[in-house]
């Protein structure tokens, strides 16, 4: 039995992207019972992750993704599409009793500021987007082209985007931290000019290798402190419930 006063740290590497996204729903269920969970998922194959309510009919090149074995999946949180290619998918689930769960903005404040603090401890200086920084005039179907307060920037370009799933008794923040940037591939996935990708997206290549391990340790400690928890406990993610595993054969969640 793991104490609810401890932050659970889940970590997978090379696992199935669809199963990891379904695992976020399991994180929400545990958070509704009082657990706080921070997860780091890293995949060996590329995936395009759409927001829960995002249309699959526009905003990306479905044919290109199919021809290049890019899985097209849907997450339980909102927002728009993110192409994940060797990057880190980082999520935090916490009960609604936590003060930071009270509103969307307070939840983003906790998550983005804590991530920036953890990166700073790792030796990387980032900043939150502020009004007046670059953002398109209209909402983009590409998450990393929209720069809002849930955005984290490095050298003026977005390196982390977030979205939320809010339940009656729990909240989850889903994020992707870019650790590499293939501009041509990103532009083809989304069917846009490479100049749009180059202008908006950045990367934190410094996090690959040992730097990434330091960052994960730092981030877990920062979150534990800000959530008033006594420490961090690395935990093997539990087996995925059969009902959630079925999502990986459901066209709503795994787009063919």
Protein backbone atom coordinates (compact mmCIF):
# COMPACT_ATOMS: atom_id res chain seq x y z
CA UNK A 1 0.00 0.00 0.00
CA UNK A 2 1.49 3.36 -1.08
CA UNK A 3 0.86 6.34 1.16
CA UNK A 4 -1.26 9.09 -0.34
CA UNK A 5 1.19 11.55 1.27
CA UNK A 6 3.79 10.46 -1.31
CA UNK A 7 4.01 11.42 -4.98
CA UNK A 8 3.88 8.31 -7.15
CA UNK A 9 6.34 8.41 -10.06
CA UNK A 10 5.38 6.26 -13.04
CA UNK A 11 7.87 5.79 -15.83
CA UNK A 12 7.75 3.76 -19.03
CA UNK A 13 10.15 3.54 -21.95
CA UNK A 14 9.44 1.86 -25.25
CA UNK A 15 5.90 0.99 -24.22
CA UNK A 16 2.80 1.11 -26.38
CA UNK A 17 1.68 4.73 -26.97
CA UNK A 18 -2.01 3.84 -27.07
CA UNK A 19 -1.80 1.95 -23.78
CA UNK A 20 0.09 4.78 -22.10
CA UNK A 21 -2.57 7.27 -23.15
CA UNK A 22 -5.27 4.96 -21.79
CA UNK A 23 -3.20 4.72 -18.61
CA UNK A 24 -3.85 8.42 -18.03
CA UNK A 25 -7.51 7.55 -17.44
CA UNK A 26 -6.35 5.07 -14.80
CA UNK A 27 -4.28 7.85 -13.24
CA UNK A 28 -7.44 9.94 -12.96
CA UNK A 29 -9.29 7.10 -11.27
CA UNK A 30 -6.54 6.70 -8.68
CA UNK A 31 -6.32 10.45 -8.17
CA UNK A 32 -10.05 10.54 -7.43
CA UNK A 33 -9.23 8.22 -4.50
CA UNK A 34 -6.53 10.57 -3.18
CA UNK A 35 -3.35 9.65 -5.07
CA UNK A 36 -0.99 12.15 -6.72
CA UNK A 37 0.80 10.65 -9.73
CA UNK A 38 3.49 12.03 -12.05
CA UNK A 39 4.15 9.98 -15.18
CA UNK A 40 6.90 10.03 -17.81
CA UNK A 41 6.19 8.10 -21.00
CA UNK A 42 8.78 7.76 -23.79
CA UNK A 43 8.07 5.84 -26.97
CA UNK A 44 10.35 4.25 -29.56
CA UNK A 45 7.94 4.94 -32.42
CA UNK A 46 6.30 8.18 -33.56
CA UNK A 47 2.70 9.06 -32.82
CA UNK A 48 0.32 11.90 -33.58
CA UNK A 49 -1.79 12.66 -30.50
CA UNK A 50 -5.08 14.49 -31.00
CA UNK A 51 -7.08 16.27 -28.33
CA UNK A 52 -10.20 14.56 -26.99
CA UNK A 53 -12.64 16.65 -29.01
CA UNK A 54 -10.44 17.43 -32.01
CA UNK A 55 -11.76 16.52 -35.44
CA UNK A 56 -9.81 13.81 -37.25
CA UNK A 57 -10.89 15.21 -40.61
CA UNK A 58 -8.61 18.25 -40.66
CA UNK A 59 -5.39 19.63 -39.25
CA UNK A 60 -3.05 16.84 -40.31
CA UNK A 61 -2.12 14.68 -43.27
CA UNK A 62 -3.73 11.33 -42.51
CA UNK A 63 -2.32 9.75 -45.66
CA UNK A 64 1.26 10.77 -44.83
CA UNK A 65 0.92 9.38 -41.30
CA UNK A 66 -0.37 6.07 -42.63
CA UNK A 67 2.39 5.75 -45.22
CA UNK A 68 5.11 6.44 -42.61
CA UNK A 69 3.77 4.22 -39.80
CA UNK A 70 2.84 7.16 -37.59
CA UNK A 71 0.14 6.06 -35.16
CA UNK A 72 -2.82 8.43 -34.89
CA UNK A 73 -4.21 8.38 -31.37
CA UNK A 74 -6.52 10.39 -29.14
CA UNK A 75 -5.90 11.45 -25.53
CA UNK A 76 -8.44 12.00 -22.76
CA UNK A 77 -7.51 15.67 -22.37
CA UNK A 78 -8.54 18.56 -24.62
CA UNK A 79 -6.46 20.76 -26.88
CA UNK A 80 -5.03 20.13 -30.33
CA UNK A 81 -2.59 17.83 -32.12
CA UNK A 82 0.98 17.05 -31.08
CA UNK A 83 3.45 14.98 -33.10
CA UNK A 84 5.57 12.98 -30.65
CA UNK A 85 8.84 11.67 -32.06
CA UNK A 86 11.35 10.72 -29.36
CA UNK A 87 9.92 13.30 -26.96
CA UNK A 88 8.65 13.00 -23.38
CA UNK A 89 4.96 12.74 -22.54
CA UNK A 90 4.60 14.03 -18.98
CA UNK A 91 1.34 13.95 -17.03
CA UNK A 92 0.23 14.84 -13.53
CA UNK A 93 -2.94 13.55 -11.88
CA UNK A 94 -4.12 14.90 -8.54
CA UNK A 95 -7.31 14.89 -6.48
CA UNK A 96 -9.68 17.86 -6.66
CA UNK A 97 -9.00 18.49 -2.96
CA UNK A 98 -5.61 19.98 -3.86
CA UNK A 99 -5.68 23.80 -4.01
CA UNK A 100 -4.10 23.79 -7.48
CA UNK A 101 -7.07 21.81 -8.79
CA UNK A 102 -9.55 24.61 -8.15
CA UNK A 103 -9.40 26.15 -11.62
CA UNK A 104 -7.89 25.57 -15.04
CA UNK A 105 -5.50 28.51 -14.64
CA UNK A 106 -4.34 27.47 -11.17
CA UNK A 107 -3.65 23.96 -12.43
CA UNK A 108 -1.59 25.29 -15.34
CA UNK A 109 0.25 27.68 -13.01
CA UNK A 110 1.35 24.78 -10.84
CA UNK A 111 2.36 22.51 -13.71
CA UNK A 112 4.17 24.97 -15.96
CA UNK A 113 5.98 26.83 -13.17
CA UNK A 114 7.09 23.56 -11.54
CA UNK A 115 8.39 22.26 -14.87
CA UNK A 116 10.31 25.48 -15.49
CA UNK A 117 11.80 25.20 -11.99
CA UNK A 118 12.86 21.58 -12.59
CA UNK A 119 14.48 22.53 -15.90
CA UNK A 120 16.32 25.39 -14.23
CA UNK A 121 17.69 22.97 -11.63
CA UNK A 122 18.88 20.83 -14.53
CA UNK A 123 20.66 23.83 -16.05
CA UNK A 124 18.11 24.86 -18.70
CA UNK A 125 16.48 28.30 -18.57
CA UNK A 126 12.97 28.48 -20.02
CA UNK A 127 10.13 30.97 -19.70
CA UNK A 128 6.34 30.99 -19.79
CA UNK A 129 4.54 32.64 -22.67
CA UNK A 130 3.34 36.14 -21.86
CA UNK A 131 0.98 38.42 -23.82
CA UNK A 132 2.88 40.10 -26.60
CA UNK A 133 4.93 37.02 -27.45
CA UNK A 134 4.34 35.26 -30.77
CA UNK A 135 1.08 33.42 -31.35
CA UNK A 136 -1.05 33.01 -34.51
CA UNK A 137 -4.11 35.23 -34.87
CA UNK A 138 -6.41 32.18 -35.11
CA UNK A 139 -6.43 28.92 -33.16
CA UNK A 140 -4.18 26.38 -34.84
CA UNK A 141 -4.84 22.62 -35.04
CA UNK A 142 -1.15 22.27 -34.11
CA UNK A 143 -0.72 22.52 -30.34
CA UNK A 144 2.84 23.79 -30.55
CA UNK A 145 1.90 26.61 -32.90
CA UNK A 146 -0.44 28.10 -30.29
CA UNK A 147 1.40 30.00 -27.58
CA UNK A 148 -0.71 30.63 -24.49
CA UNK A 149 -0.12 30.70 -20.73
CA UNK A 150 0.19 26.91 -20.61
CA UNK A 151 3.15 27.17 -23.00
CA UNK A 152 6.80 26.90 -22.01
CA UNK A 153 9.32 28.61 -24.30
CA UNK A 154 13.02 28.18 -24.93
CA UNK A 155 14.75 30.93 -26.94
CA UNK A 156 11.31 32.25 -27.81
CA UNK A 157 9.99 28.98 -29.26
CA UNK A 158 7.55 26.56 -27.69
CA UNK A 159 9.04 23.42 -26.16
CA UNK A 160 6.12 22.31 -23.98
CA UNK A 161 2.37 22.40 -24.45
CA UNK A 162 -0.31 21.23 -22.01
CA UNK A 163 -3.94 20.21 -21.92
CA UNK A 164 -6.28 19.13 -19.14
CA UNK A 165 -8.87 16.50 -18.32
CA UNK A 166 -11.07 17.51 -15.41
CA UNK A 167 -13.33 15.13 -13.53
CA UNK A 168 -15.55 15.70 -10.51
CA UNK A 169 -12.94 14.37 -8.08
CA UNK A 170 -9.66 14.59 -10.01
CA UNK A 171 -7.66 16.61 -12.54
CA UNK A 172 -5.01 15.54 -15.05
CA UNK A 173 -2.53 17.69 -16.95
CA UNK A 174 -1.13 16.08 -20.09
CA UNK A 175 1.98 17.61 -21.63
CA UNK A 176 4.62 16.93 -24.26
CA UNK A 177 8.18 18.21 -23.89
CA UNK A 178 10.04 18.41 -27.19
CA UNK A 179 13.54 16.95 -27.02
CA UNK A 180 14.21 17.03 -30.74
CA UNK A 181 12.77 18.78 -33.76
CA UNK A 182 12.55 17.39 -37.28
CA UNK A 183 11.08 20.42 -39.00
CA UNK A 184 10.45 18.68 -42.32
CA UNK A 185 8.66 15.75 -40.71
CA UNK A 186 6.55 18.00 -38.49
CA UNK A 187 5.54 20.08 -41.51
CA UNK A 188 4.51 17.00 -43.48
CA UNK A 189 2.51 15.50 -40.62
CA UNK A 190 0.49 18.70 -40.29
CA UNK A 191 0.53 19.62 -43.97
CA UNK A 192 1.98 23.11 -43.46
CA UNK A 193 5.02 25.01 -44.67
CA UNK A 194 8.21 24.26 -42.76
CA UNK A 195 8.61 27.96 -42.00
CA UNK A 196 5.56 27.78 -39.70
CA UNK A 197 7.11 24.93 -37.74
CA UNK A 198 10.50 26.60 -37.58
CA UNK A 199 9.01 29.84 -36.30
CA UNK A 200 6.91 28.32 -33.53
CA UNK A 201 8.58 25.12 -32.28
CA UNK A 202 11.77 24.63 -30.30
CA UNK A 203 13.53 21.69 -28.69
CA UNK A 204 15.47 20.70 -25.58
CA UNK A 205 18.04 18.31 -27.00
CA UNK A 206 20.06 18.77 -23.78
CA UNK A 207 17.57 16.50 -22.00
CA UNK A 208 18.56 13.41 -23.96
CA UNK A 209 20.68 10.97 -22.01
CA UNK A 210 21.78 11.69 -18.45
CA UNK A 211 20.32 15.19 -18.44
CA UNK A 212 16.88 13.66 -18.86
CA UNK A 213 17.29 11.50 -15.76
CA UNK A 214 18.34 14.52 -13.71
CA UNK A 215 15.33 16.44 -14.97
CA UNK A 216 12.90 13.66 -14.03
CA UNK A 217 14.34 13.47 -10.52
CA UNK A 218 14.21 17.26 -10.18
CA UNK A 219 10.66 17.47 -11.49
CA UNK A 220 9.38 14.79 -9.13
CA UNK A 221 10.95 16.56 -6.15
CA UNK A 222 9.58 19.95 -7.21
CA UNK A 223 6.06 18.60 -7.62
CA UNK A 224 6.17 16.75 -4.32
CA UNK A 225 7.12 19.99 -2.58
CA UNK A 226 4.49 22.11 -4.30
CA UNK A 227 1.77 19.57 -3.57
CA UNK A 228 2.80 19.40 0.10
CA UNK A 229 3.75 15.74 -0.14
CA UNK A 230 6.41 14.07 1.99
CA UNK A 231 8.43 12.54 -0.80
CA UNK A 232 8.55 10.62 -4.07
CA UNK A 233 8.03 6.91 -4.58
CA UNK A 234 8.94 5.33 -7.93
CA UNK A 235 6.17 2.86 -8.74
CA UNK A 236 5.73 0.40 -11.57
CA UNK A 237 2.57 1.42 -13.43
CA UNK A 238 -0.26 -1.02 -12.65
CA UNK A 239 -1.68 -3.37 -15.23
CA UNK A 240 -4.03 -1.59 -17.56
CA UNK A 241 -7.68 -2.44 -16.94
CA UNK A 242 -9.23 -4.58 -19.70
CA UNK A 243 -11.87 -1.89 -20.31
CA UNK A 244 -9.12 0.67 -20.96
CA UNK A 245 -7.03 -1.74 -23.02
CA UNK A 246 -9.99 -2.01 -25.39
CA UNK A 247 -9.40 1.59 -26.40
CA UNK A 248 -6.48 0.42 -28.51
CA UNK A 249 -8.91 -1.33 -30.87
CA UNK A 250 -11.53 1.42 -30.75
CA UNK A 251 -11.42 3.79 -33.76
CA UNK A 252 -12.39 6.69 -31.50
CA UNK A 253 -9.06 6.35 -29.66
CA UNK A 254 -6.86 4.69 -32.30
CA UNK A 255 -7.53 6.28 -35.65
CA UNK A 256 -7.01 4.10 -38.69
